[in-house]
C-alpha atoms as a PDB file:
ATOM      1  CA  MET A   1       0.000   0.000   0.000  1.00  0.00           C
ATOM      2  CA  MET A   2       1.240   3.491  -0.825  1.00  0.00           C
ATOM      3  CA  GLY A   3       1.810   5.871   2.091  1.00  0.00           C
ATOM      4  CA  SER A   4       0.932   9.096   0.231  1.00  0.00           C
ATOM      5  CA  VAL A   5      -1.219  10.036  -2.722  1.00  0.00           C
ATOM      6  CA  PHE A   6       2.014  11.150  -4.457  1.00  0.00           C
ATOM      7  CA  ASP A   7       3.770   7.795  -3.960  1.00  0.00           C
ATOM      8  CA  MET A   8       4.121   6.267  -7.407  1.00  0.00           C
ATOM      9  CA  ALA A   9       2.768   2.922  -8.509  1.00  0.00           C
ATOM     10  CA  GLN A  10       5.165   0.687 -10.409  1.00  0.00           C
ATOM     11  CA  SER A  11       3.440   1.426 -13.727  1.00  0.00           C
ATOM     12  CA  CYS A  12       0.342   2.923 -15.295  1.00  0.00           C
ATOM     13  CA  PRO A  13      -2.750   0.721 -15.756  1.00  0.00           C
ATOM     14  CA  GLN A  14      -2.391  -1.830 -18.528  1.00  0.00           C
ATOM     15  CA  ALA A  15      -6.007  -1.515 -19.706  1.00  0.00           C
ATOM     16  CA  MET A  16      -8.695   1.159 -20.044  1.00  0.00           C
ATOM     17  CA  CYS A  17      -9.643   2.799 -16.746  1.00  0.00           C
ATOM     18  CA  VAL A  18     -12.365   5.298 -15.905  1.00  0.00           C
ATOM     19  CA  PHE A  19     -11.615   7.794 -13.149  1.00  0.00           C
ATOM     20  CA  ARG A  20     -14.976   9.142 -11.977  1.00  0.00           C
ATOM     21  CA  ALA A  21     -15.338  12.753 -10.927  1.00  0.00           C
ATOM     22  CA  GLY A  22     -15.230  13.041  -7.162  1.00  0.00           C
ATOM     23  CA  GLU A  23     -13.778   9.570  -6.515  1.00  0.00           C
ATOM     24  CA  GLY A  24     -10.366   8.901  -4.995  1.00  0.00           C
ATOM     25  CA  ILE A  25      -9.743  12.482  -3.898  1.00  0.00           C
ATOM     26  CA  LEU A  26      -7.176  12.653  -1.104  1.00  0.00           C
ATOM     27  CA  PRO A  27      -5.148  15.369   0.599  1.00  0.00           C
ATOM     28  CA  ALA A  28      -1.760  16.154  -0.907  1.00  0.00           C
ATOM     29  CA  PRO A  29       1.077  15.196   1.447  1.00  0.00           C
ATOM     30  CA  ASP A  30       2.578  17.649   3.923  1.00  0.00           C
ATOM     31  CA  GLY A  31       5.624  19.557   2.761  1.00  0.00           C
ATOM     32  CA  VAL A  32       4.538  20.349  -0.803  1.00  0.00           C
ATOM     33  CA  SER A  33       2.503  23.533  -0.227  1.00  0.00           C
ATOM     34  CA  ASN A  34       1.681  26.298   2.244  1.00  0.00           C
ATOM     35  CA  GLY A  35      -1.582  24.563   3.215  1.00  0.00           C
ATOM     36  CA  ARG A  36      -3.925  21.708   2.436  1.00  0.00           C
ATOM     37  CA  PHE A  37      -5.132  20.977  -1.070  1.00  0.00           C
ATOM     38  CA  ASP A  38      -6.681  17.834  -2.513  1.00  0.00           C
ATOM     39  CA  VAL A  39      -5.718  15.706  -5.488  1.00  0.00           C
ATOM     40  CA  GLN A  40      -7.177  12.930  -7.578  1.00  0.00           C
ATOM     41  CA  MET A  41      -4.346  10.824  -8.970  1.00  0.00           C
ATOM     42  CA  LEU A  42      -5.239   9.717 -12.487  1.00  0.00           C
ATOM     43  CA  LEU A  43      -1.990   8.106 -13.594  1.00  0.00           C
ATOM     44  CA  SER A  44       0.728   7.018 -11.216  1.00  0.00           C
ATOM     45  CA  SER A  45       3.956   5.386 -12.282  1.00  0.00           C
ATOM     46  CA  SER A  46       7.646   5.163 -11.462  1.00  0.00           C
ATOM     47  CA  THR A  47       8.428   3.538 -14.835  1.00  0.00           C
ATOM     48  CA  GLU A  48      10.790   5.490 -17.087  1.00  0.00           C
ATOM     49  CA  GLY A  49       8.928   7.491 -19.740  1.00  0.00           C
ATOM     50  CA  GLU A  50       5.414   6.742 -18.490  1.00  0.00           C
ATOM     51  CA  MET A  51       3.107   9.619 -17.586  1.00  0.00           C
ATOM     52  CA  THR A  52       1.762  10.721 -14.243  1.00  0.00           C
ATOM     53  CA  ALA A  53      -1.362  12.847 -14.104  1.00  0.00           C
ATOM     54  CA  MET A  54      -3.592  14.350 -11.470  1.00  0.00           C
ATOM     55  CA  ARG A  55      -6.424  16.774 -10.873  1.00  0.00           C
ATOM     56  CA  ALA A  56      -5.714  19.289  -8.122  1.00  0.00           C
ATOM     57  CA  PHE A  57      -8.313  21.191  -6.118  1.00  0.00           C
ATOM     58  CA  VAL A  58      -6.666  24.191  -4.460  1.00  0.00           C
ATOM     59  CA  PRO A  59      -8.387  26.517  -1.948  1.00  0.00           C
ATOM     60  CA  PRO A  60      -7.834  30.283  -2.079  1.00  0.00           C
ATOM     61  CA  GLY A  61      -4.300  31.369  -1.156  1.00  0.00           C
ATOM     62  CA  ILE A  62      -2.735  27.891  -1.223  1.00  0.00           C
ATOM     63  CA  VAL A  63       0.370  27.528  -3.410  1.00  0.00           C
ATOM     64  CA  THR A  64       2.839  24.719  -3.973  1.00  0.00           C
ATOM     65  CA  HIS A  65       6.418  24.927  -2.799  1.00  0.00           C
ATOM     66  CA  TRP A  66       9.070  25.504  -5.430  1.00  0.00           C
ATOM     67  CA  HIS A  67       9.494  22.335  -7.464  1.00  0.00           C
ATOM     68  CA  SER A  68      10.609  21.002 -10.836  1.00  0.00           C
ATOM     69  CA  HIS A  69       9.843  18.078 -13.100  1.00  0.00           C
ATOM     70  CA  PRO A  70      12.691  16.108 -14.712  1.00  0.00           C
ATOM     71  CA  ARG A  71      10.894  15.940 -18.071  1.00  0.00           C
ATOM     72  CA  GLY A  72       8.631  18.991 -17.717  1.00  0.00           C
ATOM     73  CA  GLN A  73       4.988  19.528 -16.785  1.00  0.00           C
ATOM     74  CA  LEU A  74       1.836  20.524 -18.619  1.00  0.00           C
ATOM     75  CA  LEU A  75      -0.711  22.260 -16.416  1.00  0.00           C
ATOM     76  CA  PHE A  76      -4.260  22.890 -17.727  1.00  0.00           C
ATOM     77  CA  VAL A  77      -6.590  25.152 -15.722  1.00  0.00           C
ATOM     78  CA  LEU A  78     -10.016  23.577 -15.136  1.00  0.00           C
ATOM     79  CA  GLU A  79     -11.651  26.194 -12.869  1.00  0.00           C
ATOM     80  CA  GLY A  80     -10.946  29.318 -10.871  1.00  0.00           C
ATOM     81  CA  VAL A  81      -8.014  31.695 -10.897  1.00  0.00           C
ATOM     82  CA  GLY A  82      -4.429  30.784 -10.158  1.00  0.00           C
ATOM     83  CA  ARG A  83      -0.910  32.052 -10.426  1.00  0.00           C
ATOM     84  CA  ALA A  84       2.303  30.446 -11.602  1.00  0.00           C
ATOM     85  CA  GLN A  85       5.891  31.581 -11.581  1.00  0.00           C
ATOM     86  CA  ARG A  86       9.100  30.204 -13.010  1.00  0.00           C
ATOM     87  CA  GLU A  87      12.247  31.045 -11.117  1.00  0.00           C
ATOM     88  CA  GLY A  88      13.639  34.407 -12.193  1.00  0.00           C
ATOM     89  CA  ALA A  89      10.403  35.637 -13.797  1.00  0.00           C
ATOM     90  CA  GLU A  90       7.319  37.494 -12.587  1.00  0.00           C
ATOM     91  CA  PRO A  91       4.223  35.506 -11.534  1.00  0.00           C
ATOM     92  CA  VAL A  92       1.468  35.210 -14.143  1.00  0.00           C
ATOM     93  CA  THR A  93      -2.280  34.923 -13.560  1.00  0.00           C
ATOM     94  CA  LEU A  94      -4.061  31.865 -14.942  1.00  0.00           C
ATOM     95  CA  HIS A  95      -7.734  31.434 -15.853  1.00  0.00           C
ATOM     96  CA  LYS A  96     -10.026  28.584 -16.863  1.00  0.00           C
ATOM     97  CA  GLY A  97      -8.855  27.117 -20.171  1.00  0.00           C
ATOM     98  CA  ASP A  98      -5.273  28.393 -19.921  1.00  0.00           C
ATOM     99  CA  ALA A  99      -2.438  25.897 -20.310  1.00  0.00           C
ATOM    100  CA  VAL A 100       1.127  26.270 -19.034  1.00  0.00           C
ATOM    101  CA  TRP A 101       4.228  24.303 -20.004  1.00  0.00           C
ATOM    102  CA  PHE A 102       7.119  24.160 -17.540  1.00  0.00           C
ATOM    103  CA  ALA A 103      10.310  22.915 -19.195  1.00  0.00           C
ATOM    104  CA  ALA A 104      12.388  20.043 -17.836  1.00  0.00           C
ATOM    105  CA  ASN A 105      14.005  20.951 -14.487  1.00  0.00           C
ATOM    106  CA  GLU A 106      12.529  24.471 -14.545  1.00  0.00           C
ATOM    107  CA  ARG A 107      11.971  25.536 -10.923  1.00  0.00           C
ATOM    108  CA  HIS A 108       8.459  26.905 -10.485  1.00  0.00           C
ATOM    109  CA  TRP A 109       5.365  27.050  -8.292  1.00  0.00           C
ATOM    110  CA  HIS A 110       1.635  27.386  -8.907  1.00  0.00           C
ATOM    111  CA  GLY A 111      -1.478  27.835  -6.829  1.00  0.00           C
ATOM    112  CA  ALA A 112      -4.655  29.749  -6.101  1.00  0.00           C
ATOM    113  CA  VAL A 113      -4.950  33.524  -5.820  1.00  0.00           C
ATOM    114  CA  PRO A 114      -5.928  34.748  -2.323  1.00  0.00           C
ATOM    115  CA  ASP A 115      -9.630  35.213  -3.086  1.00  0.00           C
ATOM    116  CA  CYS A 116     -10.501  32.341  -5.454  1.00  0.00           C
ATOM    117  CA  SER A 117     -10.074  28.582  -5.614  1.00  0.00           C
ATOM    118  CA  PHE A 118      -8.140  26.971  -8.456  1.00  0.00           C
ATOM    119  CA  SER A 119      -8.286  23.530 -10.019  1.00  0.00           C
ATOM    120  CA  TYR A 120      -6.066  22.098 -12.695  1.00  0.00           C
ATOM    121  CA  LEU A 121      -4.967  18.974 -14.487  1.00  0.00           C
ATOM    122  CA  SER A 122      -1.234  18.307 -14.457  1.00  0.00           C
ATOM    123  CA  ILE A 123       0.628  15.831 -16.622  1.00  0.00           C
ATOM    124  CA  GLN A 124       4.309  15.006 -16.251  1.00  0.00           C
ATOM    125  CA  PRO A 125       6.477  12.135 -17.502  1.00  0.00           C
ATOM    126  CA  VAL A 126       8.729  10.008 -15.291  1.00  0.00           C
ATOM    127  CA  LYS A 127      12.521  10.104 -15.372  1.00  0.00           C
ATOM    128  CA  ASP A 128      14.766   8.133 -13.015  1.00  0.00           C
ATOM    129  CA  GLY A 129      11.746   6.877 -11.061  1.00  0.00           C
ATOM    130  CA  THR A 130      10.127  10.234 -10.317  1.00  0.00           C
ATOM    131  CA  ALA A 131       8.045  12.946 -11.928  1.00  0.00           C
ATOM    132  CA  VAL A 132       8.749  15.765  -9.443  1.00  0.00           C
ATOM    133  CA  HIS A 133      11.441  17.194  -7.175  1.00  0.00           C
ATOM    134  CA  TRP A 134      10.267  19.353  -4.237  1.00  0.00           C
ATOM    135  CA  PHE A 135      12.135  22.345  -2.811  1.00  0.00           C
ATOM    136  CA  GLU A 136      11.567  25.158  -0.301  1.00  0.00           C
ATOM    137  CA  PRO A 137       8.338  27.097   0.312  1.00  0.00           C
ATOM    138  CA  VAL A 138       7.576  30.213  -1.699  1.00  0.00           C
ATOM    139  CA  GLU A 139       8.376  33.401   0.246  1.00  0.00           C
ATOM    140  CA  LYS A 140       5.309  35.566   0.896  1.00  0.00           C
ATOM    141  CA  GLU A 141       6.873  38.475  -1.010  1.00  0.00           C
ATOM    142  CA  GLY A 142       6.922  36.282  -4.147  1.00  0.00           C
ATOM    143  CA  LEU A 143       3.186  35.715  -4.084  1.00  0.00           C
END
């Protein structure tokens, strides 16, 4: 049994799977954001080159810590208003329907603006057994 929703399965499902809205939603683990948000893991794998994917449901004002993805990340905004920032650049505001690509190993964060929730779909491939590397929290001045 996995200890955290972000713990990777050995590989993605080998046959068609349906992930129903509202099912399998769990809290993200401690140490990845400035507060609680929930995720629905859609694809989980530690196998080289396979994809991981999740829906995230982020309350107002909650943002991830700085992190990167060894093969990049595609983030697609489903609802609400969010912000994202790559290291060394200004934060950008994101709205429903927007998509963001973070390049391989590009340090970044994303999350909800202070007065609106934010939900997104994220997709990231696996390299060397992982799809993400977590770093320090975002400083308040950066938000």
